[in-house]
């Protein structure tokens, strides 16, 4: 009887140990969390701790905590505006990245000193511009920390003039993302993962069912060495490309809808009509 009991206890211990090992291995296989510390994954969103997700896909309620660099407000996690400054330098497109071969035309461009918003323009900032009579009213979610989207190039230019800046050139946005060493991504040459960028949130791989962008600055692990957030993913950003005398409307950086890493590359850009209005497109401003 004693021997049978000992065998049973040993078997139970072994089963418990195996279960613990499997659980640990499973957690390791899942990789890092896609939401920054202080934020909680709810559906496709990263909400502040203590918030809930409503039927419209928005984070609601007063958060108990937010990601580093975001302010806790009664309406949600919100980034305070700040400007990152660059002393300028040579922007190198394509040659340092084998994946760009045959996709983009290799070139170099000198970028003069400038500043750029460290975070994408939020609904809170846009609302302040509307209240001042300098910007038109556009459809907003009511979540103040979200990157504003659905604005045309002209509307973005009106906001930037109100803020004392201008829509960045395509080279200025690319230099902020790539730096003088031609980084493949704003954070470095590898690691296009969900915790670094808000991408693939509608149909995967980072989420399913999202209807708009994330809170600006809610993925601090993907910030550039200069502290500029969301240069890859969240909203694709308006920029002026081509010859300065005949600028072309472009967007850079990919968006929350894009599901593949190539869309997040520092050299990735596409041309759009300046009147284009989309939940995928927002902006930040440059200051010269």
C-alpha atoms as a PDB file:
ATOM      1  CA  UNK A   1       0.000   0.000   0.000  1.00  0.00           C
ATOM      2  CA  UNK A   2       2.811   2.350   1.003  1.00  0.00           C
ATOM      3  CA  UNK A   3       4.689   1.575  -2.197  1.00  0.00           C
ATOM      4  CA  UNK A   4       1.620   2.248  -4.361  1.00  0.00           C
ATOM      5  CA  UNK A   5       1.084   5.596  -2.640  1.00  0.00           C
ATOM      6  CA  UNK A   6       4.711   6.554  -3.254  1.00  0.00           C
ATOM      7  CA  UNK A   7       4.419   5.684  -6.936  1.00  0.00           C
ATOM      8  CA  UNK A   8       1.250   7.764  -7.223  1.00  0.00           C
ATOM      9  CA  UNK A   9       2.866  10.773  -5.533  1.00  0.00           C
ATOM     10  CA  UNK A  10       5.919  10.488  -7.813  1.00  0.00           C
ATOM     11  CA  UNK A  11       3.679  10.327 -10.883  1.00  0.00           C
ATOM     12  CA  UNK A  12       1.730  13.404  -9.793  1.00  0.00           C
ATOM     13  CA  UNK A  13       4.949  15.331  -9.160  1.00  0.00           C
ATOM     14  CA  UNK A  14       6.293  14.357 -12.564  1.00  0.00           C
ATOM     15  CA  UNK A  15       3.062  15.417 -14.256  1.00  0.00           C
ATOM     16  CA  UNK A  16       3.134  18.766 -12.449  1.00  0.00           C
ATOM     17  CA  UNK A  17       6.757  19.341 -13.473  1.00  0.00           C
ATOM     18  CA  UNK A  18       6.032  18.498 -17.114  1.00  0.00           C
ATOM     19  CA  UNK A  19       3.016  20.839 -17.081  1.00  0.00           C
ATOM     20  CA  UNK A  20       5.109  23.679 -15.677  1.00  0.00           C
ATOM     21  CA  UNK A  21       7.823  23.150 -18.291  1.00  0.00           C
ATOM     22  CA  UNK A  22       5.252  23.130 -21.098  1.00  0.00           C
ATOM     23  CA  UNK A  23       3.637  26.321 -19.749  1.00  0.00           C
ATOM     24  CA  UNK A  24       7.009  28.095 -19.525  1.00  0.00           C
ATOM     25  CA  UNK A  25       7.954  26.970 -23.027  1.00  0.00           C
ATOM     26  CA  UNK A  26       4.619  28.182 -24.333  1.00  0.00           C
ATOM     27  CA  UNK A  27       5.083  31.608 -22.799  1.00  0.00           C
ATOM     28  CA  UNK A  28       8.576  31.860 -24.261  1.00  0.00           C
ATOM     29  CA  UNK A  29       7.295  30.843 -27.687  1.00  0.00           C
ATOM     30  CA  UNK A  30       4.743  33.663 -27.615  1.00  0.00           C
ATOM     31  CA  UNK A  31       7.533  36.226 -27.612  1.00  0.00           C
ATOM     32  CA  UNK A  32       7.376  39.715 -26.057  1.00  0.00           C
ATOM     33  CA  UNK A  33       4.000  41.305 -25.388  1.00  0.00           C
ATOM     34  CA  UNK A  34       2.759  43.503 -28.238  1.00  0.00           C
ATOM     35  CA  UNK A  35       1.681  46.285 -25.855  1.00  0.00           C
ATOM     36  CA  UNK A  36       4.142  48.348 -23.848  1.00  0.00           C
ATOM     37  CA  UNK A  37       4.326  48.112 -20.064  1.00  0.00           C
ATOM     38  CA  UNK A  38       1.427  50.099 -18.638  1.00  0.00           C
ATOM     39  CA  UNK A  39      -0.841  49.200 -21.562  1.00  0.00           C
ATOM     40  CA  UNK A  40      -3.108  46.166 -21.875  1.00  0.00           C
ATOM     41  CA  UNK A  41      -3.973  44.239 -25.045  1.00  0.00           C
ATOM     42  CA  UNK A  42      -7.749  44.202 -25.550  1.00  0.00           C
ATOM     43  CA  UNK A  43      -8.749  42.827 -28.916  1.00  0.00           C
ATOM     44  CA  UNK A  44      -6.574  44.550 -31.540  1.00  0.00           C
ATOM     45  CA  UNK A  45      -5.931  47.600 -29.312  1.00  0.00           C
ATOM     46  CA  UNK A  46      -3.441  48.574 -26.636  1.00  0.00           C
ATOM     47  CA  UNK A  47      -5.489  50.393 -23.979  1.00  0.00           C
ATOM     48  CA  UNK A  48      -4.316  52.007 -20.780  1.00  0.00           C
ATOM     49  CA  UNK A  49      -4.434  49.803 -17.716  1.00  0.00           C
ATOM     50  CA  UNK A  50      -7.978  49.799 -16.352  1.00  0.00           C
ATOM     51  CA  UNK A  51      -9.653  50.951 -19.576  1.00  0.00           C
ATOM     52  CA  UNK A  52     -12.237  48.971 -21.554  1.00  0.00           C
ATOM     53  CA  UNK A  53     -12.839  48.566 -25.286  1.00  0.00           C
ATOM     54  CA  UNK A  54     -16.215  49.817 -26.521  1.00  0.00           C
ATOM     55  CA  UNK A  55     -18.232  48.517 -29.456  1.00  0.00           C
ATOM     56  CA  UNK A  56     -16.621  51.083 -31.764  1.00  0.00           C
ATOM     57  CA  UNK A  57     -13.141  49.754 -30.997  1.00  0.00           C
ATOM     58  CA  UNK A  58     -12.096  52.675 -28.809  1.00  0.00           C
ATOM     59  CA  UNK A  59     -10.420  52.559 -25.399  1.00  0.00           C
ATOM     60  CA  UNK A  60     -12.751  54.168 -22.882  1.00  0.00           C
ATOM     61  CA  UNK A  61     -12.598  55.226 -19.248  1.00  0.00           C
ATOM     62  CA  UNK A  62      -9.888  56.811 -17.148  1.00  0.00           C
ATOM     63  CA  UNK A  63      -6.714  54.695 -17.293  1.00  0.00           C
ATOM     64  CA  UNK A  64      -4.878  53.770 -14.136  1.00  0.00           C
ATOM     65  CA  UNK A  65      -1.576  53.735 -16.034  1.00  0.00           C
ATOM     66  CA  UNK A  66      -0.162  54.277 -19.525  1.00  0.00           C
ATOM     67  CA  UNK A  67       3.003  53.472 -21.458  1.00  0.00           C
ATOM     68  CA  UNK A  68       6.163  55.392 -20.600  1.00  0.00           C
ATOM     69  CA  UNK A  69       6.032  58.882 -22.068  1.00  0.00           C
ATOM     70  CA  UNK A  70       2.219  59.070 -22.161  1.00  0.00           C
ATOM     71  CA  UNK A  71       0.171  61.167 -19.773  1.00  0.00           C
ATOM     72  CA  UNK A  72      -2.701  59.646 -17.795  1.00  0.00           C
ATOM     73  CA  UNK A  73      -5.828  61.763 -18.369  1.00  0.00           C
ATOM     74  CA  UNK A  74      -9.506  61.280 -17.591  1.00  0.00           C
ATOM     75  CA  UNK A  75     -10.127  60.576 -21.291  1.00  0.00           C
ATOM     76  CA  UNK A  76      -7.254  58.169 -21.897  1.00  0.00           C
ATOM     77  CA  UNK A  77      -3.525  57.974 -22.544  1.00  0.00           C
ATOM     78  CA  UNK A  78      -2.278  61.073 -24.381  1.00  0.00           C
ATOM     79  CA  UNK A  79       1.185  62.116 -25.565  1.00  0.00           C
ATOM     80  CA  UNK A  80       2.429  65.622 -24.838  1.00  0.00           C
ATOM     81  CA  UNK A  81       3.729  67.375 -27.984  1.00  0.00           C
ATOM     82  CA  UNK A  82       7.487  67.632 -28.278  1.00  0.00           C
ATOM     83  CA  UNK A  83       9.964  68.285 -31.068  1.00  0.00           C
ATOM     84  CA  UNK A  84      13.064  66.232 -31.947  1.00  0.00           C
ATOM     85  CA  UNK A  85      15.907  68.219 -33.496  1.00  0.00           C
ATOM     86  CA  UNK A  86      18.292  67.028 -36.207  1.00  0.00           C
ATOM     87  CA  UNK A  87      21.539  68.691 -37.221  1.00  0.00           C
ATOM     88  CA  UNK A  88      21.098  67.419 -40.770  1.00  0.00           C
ATOM     89  CA  UNK A  89      23.339  65.178 -42.816  1.00  0.00           C
ATOM     90  CA  UNK A  90      23.386  62.880 -45.825  1.00  0.00           C
ATOM     91  CA  UNK A  91      20.370  60.666 -46.408  1.00  0.00           C
ATOM     92  CA  UNK A  92      21.235  57.424 -48.185  1.00  0.00           C
ATOM     93  CA  UNK A  93      18.349  55.597 -49.820  1.00  0.00           C
ATOM     94  CA  UNK A  94      18.629  51.981 -50.912  1.00  0.00           C
ATOM     95  CA  UNK A  95      22.332  51.117 -51.212  1.00  0.00           C
ATOM     96  CA  UNK A  96      22.773  49.923 -47.603  1.00  0.00           C
ATOM     97  CA  UNK A  97      19.744  47.624 -47.660  1.00  0.00           C
ATOM     98  CA  UNK A  98      19.815  44.582 -49.949  1.00  0.00           C
ATOM     99  CA  UNK A  99      16.027  44.324 -49.717  1.00  0.00           C
ATOM    100  CA  UNK A 100      15.746  47.703 -51.425  1.00  0.00           C
ATOM    101  CA  UNK A 101      17.665  46.544 -54.487  1.00  0.00           C
ATOM    102  CA  UNK A 102      15.393  46.743 -57.517  1.00  0.00           C
ATOM    103  CA  UNK A 103      12.619  48.266 -55.412  1.00  0.00           C
ATOM    104  CA  UNK A 104      13.842  51.822 -54.858  1.00  0.00           C
ATOM    105  CA  UNK A 105      16.246  53.957 -56.848  1.00  0.00           C
ATOM    106  CA  UNK A 106      19.508  54.354 -54.886  1.00  0.00           C
ATOM    107  CA  UNK A 107      20.324  57.969 -54.189  1.00  0.00           C
ATOM    108  CA  UNK A 108      21.847  60.374 -51.703  1.00  0.00           C
ATOM    109  CA  UNK A 109      20.431  63.696 -50.549  1.00  0.00           C
ATOM    110  CA  UNK A 110      21.713  66.319 -48.159  1.00  0.00           C
ATOM    111  CA  UNK A 111      19.224  67.259 -45.451  1.00  0.00           C
ATOM    112  CA  UNK A 112      19.511  70.662 -43.776  1.00  0.00           C
ATOM    113  CA  UNK A 113      19.030  71.031 -39.993  1.00  0.00           C
ATOM    114  CA  UNK A 114      15.377  70.776 -38.924  1.00  0.00           C
ATOM    115  CA  UNK A 115      13.027  69.701 -36.175  1.00  0.00           C
ATOM    116  CA  UNK A 116      10.135  67.264 -36.384  1.00  0.00           C
ATOM    117  CA  UNK A 117       7.271  66.254 -34.133  1.00  0.00           C
ATOM    118  CA  UNK A 118       8.444  63.367 -31.982  1.00  0.00           C
ATOM    119  CA  UNK A 119       4.900  61.991 -32.132  1.00  0.00           C
ATOM    120  CA  UNK A 120       2.189  61.909 -34.754  1.00  0.00           C
ATOM    121  CA  UNK A 121      -0.395  64.669 -34.452  1.00  0.00           C
ATOM    122  CA  UNK A 122      -3.182  63.468 -32.153  1.00  0.00           C
ATOM    123  CA  UNK A 123      -6.913  64.035 -32.093  1.00  0.00           C
ATOM    124  CA  UNK A 124      -6.385  66.276 -29.062  1.00  0.00           C
ATOM    125  CA  UNK A 125      -4.016  68.570 -30.975  1.00  0.00           C
ATOM    126  CA  UNK A 126      -6.289  68.613 -34.025  1.00  0.00           C
ATOM    127  CA  UNK A 127      -9.301  69.536 -31.862  1.00  0.00           C
ATOM    128  CA  UNK A 128      -7.362  72.488 -30.425  1.00  0.00           C
ATOM    129  CA  UNK A 129      -6.704  73.711 -33.972  1.00  0.00           C
ATOM    130  CA  UNK A 130     -10.405  73.358 -34.836  1.00  0.00           C
ATOM    131  CA  UNK A 131     -11.382  75.281 -31.693  1.00  0.00           C
ATOM    132  CA  UNK A 132      -8.993  78.065 -32.738  1.00  0.00           C
ATOM    133  CA  UNK A 133     -10.693  78.277 -36.141  1.00  0.00           C
ATOM    134  CA  UNK A 134      -7.516  77.308 -38.014  1.00  0.00           C
ATOM    135  CA  UNK A 135      -8.484  73.750 -39.003  1.00  0.00           C
ATOM    136  CA  UNK A 136     -11.664  72.239 -40.443  1.00  0.00           C
ATOM    137  CA  UNK A 137     -13.705  69.774 -38.444  1.00  0.00           C
ATOM    138  CA  UNK A 138     -13.138  66.168 -39.534  1.00  0.00           C
ATOM    139  CA  UNK A 139     -14.563  62.914 -38.218  1.00  0.00           C
ATOM    140  CA  UNK A 140     -12.842  62.002 -34.950  1.00  0.00           C
ATOM    141  CA  UNK A 141     -13.206  59.023 -32.644  1.00  0.00           C
ATOM    142  CA  UNK A 142     -13.330  61.045 -29.446  1.00  0.00           C
ATOM    143  CA  UNK A 143     -10.251  59.253 -28.082  1.00  0.00           C
ATOM    144  CA  UNK A 144      -7.838  62.193 -27.673  1.00  0.00           C
ATOM    145  CA  UNK A 145      -4.576  60.244 -27.733  1.00  0.00           C
ATOM    146  CA  UNK A 146      -5.178  58.552 -31.074  1.00  0.00           C
ATOM    147  CA  UNK A 147      -3.120  59.665 -34.047  1.00  0.00           C
ATOM    148  CA  UNK A 148      -5.455  61.811 -36.127  1.00  0.00           C
ATOM    149  CA  UNK A 149      -6.336  60.277 -39.502  1.00  0.00           C
ATOM    150  CA  UNK A 150      -8.592  61.012 -42.435  1.00  0.00           C
ATOM    151  CA  UNK A 151      -7.106  64.425 -43.237  1.00  0.00           C
ATOM    152  CA  UNK A 152      -5.986  65.604 -46.665  1.00  0.00           C
ATOM    153  CA  UNK A 153      -2.549  67.013 -47.439  1.00  0.00           C
ATOM    154  CA  UNK A 154      -3.939  70.555 -47.501  1.00  0.00           C
ATOM    155  CA  UNK A 155      -5.612  70.064 -44.123  1.00  0.00           C
ATOM    156  CA  UNK A 156      -2.357  68.722 -42.687  1.00  0.00           C
ATOM    157  CA  UNK A 157      -0.558  71.791 -44.062  1.00  0.00           C
ATOM    158  CA  UNK A 158      -3.106  74.077 -42.392  1.00  0.00           C
ATOM    159  CA  UNK A 159      -2.528  72.423 -39.035  1.00  0.00           C
ATOM    160  CA  UNK A 160       1.250  72.580 -39.380  1.00  0.00           C
ATOM    161  CA  UNK A 161       1.060  76.302 -40.214  1.00  0.00           C
ATOM    162  CA  UNK A 162      -1.059  76.770 -37.071  1.00  0.00           C
ATOM    163  CA  UNK A 163       1.614  74.902 -35.076  1.00  0.00           C
ATOM    164  CA  UNK A 164       4.409  77.032 -36.536  1.00  0.00           C
ATOM    165  CA  UNK A 165       5.744  74.394 -38.924  1.00  0.00           C
ATOM    166  CA  UNK A 166       5.087  72.768 -42.274  1.00  0.00           C
ATOM    167  CA  UNK A 167       4.423  69.353 -43.753  1.00  0.00           C
ATOM    168  CA  UNK A 168       7.810  67.569 -43.817  1.00  0.00           C
ATOM    169  CA  UNK A 169       9.605  66.786 -47.018  1.00  0.00           C
ATOM    170  CA  UNK A 170       9.894  63.139 -47.915  1.00  0.00           C
ATOM    171  CA  UNK A 171      13.643  63.347 -47.249  1.00  0.00           C
ATOM    172  CA  UNK A 172      13.080  64.812 -43.765  1.00  0.00           C
ATOM    173  CA  UNK A 173      10.769  61.969 -42.800  1.00  0.00           C
ATOM    174  CA  UNK A 174      13.116  59.384 -44.301  1.00  0.00           C
ATOM    175  CA  UNK A 175      16.140  60.883 -42.486  1.00  0.00           C
ATOM    176  CA  UNK A 176      14.275  60.810 -39.157  1.00  0.00           C
ATOM    177  CA  UNK A 177      13.578  57.108 -39.730  1.00  0.00           C
ATOM    178  CA  UNK A 178      16.838  55.967 -41.321  1.00  0.00           C
ATOM    179  CA  UNK A 179      19.386  58.331 -39.786  1.00  0.00           C
ATOM    180  CA  UNK A 180      22.833  58.922 -41.313  1.00  0.00           C
ATOM    181  CA  UNK A 181      23.571  55.169 -41.191  1.00  0.00           C
ATOM    182  CA  UNK A 182      20.557  54.227 -43.348  1.00  0.00           C
ATOM    183  CA  UNK A 183      18.755  52.070 -40.771  1.00  0.00           C
ATOM    184  CA  UNK A 184      16.260  49.633 -42.261  1.00  0.00           C
ATOM    185  CA  UNK A 185      13.720  50.523 -39.554  1.00  0.00           C
ATOM    186  CA  UNK A 186      13.573  53.530 -37.228  1.00  0.00           C
ATOM    187  CA  UNK A 187      14.845  51.384 -34.307  1.00  0.00           C
ATOM    188  CA  UNK A 188      17.540  49.483 -36.236  1.00  0.00           C
ATOM    189  CA  UNK A 189      18.073  46.894 -38.948  1.00  0.00           C
ATOM    190  CA  UNK A 190      16.060  43.989 -37.527  1.00  0.00           C
ATOM    191  CA  UNK A 191      13.066  43.222 -35.342  1.00  0.00           C
ATOM    192  CA  UNK A 192       9.873  44.262 -37.144  1.00  0.00           C
ATOM    193  CA  UNK A 193       7.656  42.880 -34.370  1.00  0.00           C
ATOM    194  CA  UNK A 194       4.291  43.871 -32.922  1.00  0.00           C
ATOM    195  CA  UNK A 195       5.672  45.487 -29.760  1.00  0.00           C
ATOM    196  CA  UNK A 196       7.682  47.963 -31.872  1.00  0.00           C
ATOM    197  CA  UNK A 197       5.064  49.129 -34.356  1.00  0.00           C
ATOM    198  CA  UNK A 198       1.282  49.310 -34.714  1.00  0.00           C
ATOM    199  CA  UNK A 199       0.868  47.323 -37.926  1.00  0.00           C
ATOM    200  CA  UNK A 200      -1.189  44.355 -39.093  1.00  0.00           C
ATOM    201  CA  UNK A 201      -4.026  45.275 -36.734  1.00  0.00           C
ATOM    202  CA  UNK A 202      -6.956  44.675 -39.087  1.00  0.00           C
ATOM    203  CA  UNK A 203      -6.216  41.256 -40.566  1.00  0.00           C
ATOM    204  CA  UNK A 204      -3.118  40.205 -38.600  1.00  0.00           C
ATOM    205  CA  UNK A 205      -0.413  39.431 -37.657  1.00  0.00           C
ATOM    206  CA  UNK A 206      -0.637  41.848 -34.702  1.00  0.00           C
ATOM    207  CA  UNK A 207      -4.393  41.998 -34.285  1.00  0.00           C
ATOM    208  CA  UNK A 208      -7.725  41.397 -35.967  1.00  0.00           C
ATOM    209  CA  UNK A 209     -10.621  43.773 -36.398  1.00  0.00           C
ATOM    210  CA  UNK A 210      -9.047  47.193 -35.768  1.00  0.00           C
ATOM    211  CA  UNK A 211     -10.913  50.109 -37.349  1.00  0.00           C
ATOM    212  CA  UNK A 212      -8.292  52.817 -36.926  1.00  0.00           C
ATOM    213  CA  UNK A 213      -4.850  53.708 -35.593  1.00  0.00           C
ATOM    214  CA  UNK A 214      -3.414  53.354 -32.114  1.00  0.00           C
ATOM    215  CA  UNK A 215      -2.549  55.884 -29.428  1.00  0.00           C
ATOM    216  CA  UNK A 216       0.421  57.898 -30.673  1.00  0.00           C
ATOM    217  CA  UNK A 217       3.542  56.898 -28.755  1.00  0.00           C
ATOM    218  CA  UNK A 218       2.089  53.669 -27.343  1.00  0.00           C
ATOM    219  CA  UNK A 219       4.941  51.564 -28.824  1.00  0.00           C
ATOM    220  CA  UNK A 220       8.048  53.189 -27.278  1.00  0.00           C
ATOM    221  CA  UNK A 221      10.167  50.115 -28.100  1.00  0.00           C
ATOM    222  CA  UNK A 222       9.964  51.193 -31.752  1.00  0.00           C
ATOM    223  CA  UNK A 223      11.158  54.754 -31.256  1.00  0.00           C
ATOM    224  CA  UNK A 224      14.230  55.915 -33.156  1.00  0.00           C
ATOM    225  CA  UNK A 225      17.507  56.609 -31.285  1.00  0.00           C
ATOM    226  CA  UNK A 226      16.506  60.297 -31.470  1.00  0.00           C
ATOM    227  CA  UNK A 227      13.239  59.603 -29.645  1.00  0.00           C
ATOM    228  CA  UNK A 228      10.850  59.872 -32.594  1.00  0.00           C
ATOM    229  CA  UNK A 229       7.871  57.506 -32.296  1.00  0.00           C
ATOM    230  CA  UNK A 230       5.699  55.671 -34.837  1.00  0.00           C
ATOM    231  CA  UNK A 231       7.805  56.426 -37.899  1.00  0.00           C
ATOM    232  CA  UNK A 232       6.841  52.895 -38.912  1.00  0.00           C
ATOM    233  CA  UNK A 233       3.222  51.837 -38.629  1.00  0.00           C
ATOM    234  CA  UNK A 234       0.221  53.462 -36.912  1.00  0.00           C
ATOM    235  CA  UNK A 235      -0.645  56.035 -39.609  1.00  0.00           C
ATOM    236  CA  UNK A 236       1.174  56.491 -42.885  1.00  0.00           C
ATOM    237  CA  UNK A 237       2.348  60.112 -42.885  1.00  0.00           C
ATOM    238  CA  UNK A 238       1.968  62.883 -45.433  1.00  0.00           C
ATOM    239  CA  UNK A 239       5.186  64.238 -46.960  1.00  0.00           C
ATOM    240  CA  UNK A 240       6.219  66.373 -49.909  1.00  0.00           C
ATOM    241  CA  UNK A 241       8.457  64.554 -52.384  1.00  0.00           C
ATOM    242  CA  UNK A 242       9.899  65.384 -55.777  1.00  0.00           C
ATOM    243  CA  UNK A 243      11.350  68.709 -56.838  1.00  0.00           C
ATOM    244  CA  UNK A 244      10.622  71.554 -54.360  1.00  0.00           C
ATOM    245  CA  UNK A 245       9.236  73.655 -57.228  1.00  0.00           C
ATOM    246  CA  UNK A 246       6.810  70.874 -58.154  1.00  0.00           C
ATOM    247  CA  UNK A 247       6.218  68.830 -54.998  1.00  0.00           C
ATOM    248  CA  UNK A 248       4.538  65.437 -55.119  1.00  0.00           C
ATOM    249  CA  UNK A 249       2.172  64.204 -52.414  1.00  0.00           C
ATOM    250  CA  UNK A 250       3.598  61.096 -50.737  1.00  0.00           C
ATOM    251  CA  UNK A 251       3.024  59.057 -47.598  1.00  0.00           C
ATOM    252  CA  UNK A 252       5.741  57.193 -45.740  1.00  0.00           C
ATOM    253  CA  UNK A 253       6.081  54.643 -42.939  1.00  0.00           C
ATOM    254  CA  UNK A 254       3.250  52.171 -43.530  1.00  0.00           C
ATOM    255  CA  UNK A 255       0.114  52.030 -41.395  1.00  0.00           C
ATOM    256  CA  UNK A 256      -1.902  49.994 -38.902  1.00  0.00           C
ATOM    257  CA  UNK A 257      -3.467  48.107 -41.833  1.00  0.00           C
ATOM    258  CA  UNK A 258      -0.209  46.983 -43.496  1.00  0.00           C
ATOM    259  CA  UNK A 259       0.479  43.371 -42.609  1.00  0.00           C
ATOM    260  CA  UNK A 260       4.080  42.865 -43.753  1.00  0.00           C
ATOM    261  CA  UNK A 261       7.469  44.098 -42.610  1.00  0.00           C
ATOM    262  CA  UNK A 262       8.473  45.598 -46.013  1.00  0.00           C
ATOM    263  CA  UNK A 263       5.771  48.258 -45.595  1.00  0.00           C
ATOM    264  CA  UNK A 264       7.611  49.480 -42.476  1.00  0.00           C
ATOM    265  CA  UNK A 265      11.009  50.021 -44.120  1.00  0.00           C
ATOM    266  CA  UNK A 266      12.592  53.460 -43.747  1.00  0.00           C
ATOM    267  CA  UNK A 267      12.793  53.819 -47.531  1.00  0.00           C
ATOM    268  CA  UNK A 268       9.186  52.772 -48.217  1.00  0.00           C
ATOM    269  CA  UNK A 269       6.912  55.421 -49.711  1.00  0.00           C
ATOM    270  CA  UNK A 270       3.966  55.709 -52.063  1.00  0.00           C
ATOM    271  CA  UNK A 271       2.372  58.527 -54.040  1.00  0.00           C
ATOM    272  CA  UNK A 272      -1.236  59.533 -53.364  1.00  0.00           C
ATOM    273  CA  UNK A 273      -3.547  62.279 -54.609  1.00  0.00           C
ATOM    274  CA  UNK A 274      -3.246  65.236 -52.196  1.00  0.00           C
ATOM    275  CA  UNK A 275      -7.030  65.110 -51.697  1.00  0.00           C
ATOM    276  CA  UNK A 276      -6.843  61.501 -50.497  1.00  0.00           C
ATOM    277  CA  UNK A 277      -8.662  60.942 -47.201  1.00  0.00           C
ATOM    278  CA  UNK A 278      -8.167  57.649 -45.351  1.00  0.00           C
ATOM    279  CA  UNK A 279      -8.232  56.156 -41.864  1.00  0.00           C
ATOM    280  CA  UNK A 280      -4.710  54.927 -42.669  1.00  0.00           C
ATOM    281  CA  UNK A 281      -3.170  58.362 -43.298  1.00  0.00           C
ATOM    282  CA  UNK A 282      -2.169  61.011 -40.774  1.00  0.00           C
ATOM    283  CA  UNK A 283       0.860  63.259 -40.331  1.00  0.00           C
ATOM    284  CA  UNK A 284       3.402  65.076 -38.185  1.00  0.00           C
ATOM    285  CA  UNK A 285       4.974  68.492 -38.740  1.00  0.00           C
ATOM    286  CA  UNK A 286       8.506  69.723 -39.469  1.00  0.00           C
ATOM    287  CA  UNK A 287      10.083  72.910 -38.086  1.00  0.00           C
ATOM    288  CA  UNK A 288      12.875  74.697 -39.947  1.00  0.00           C
END
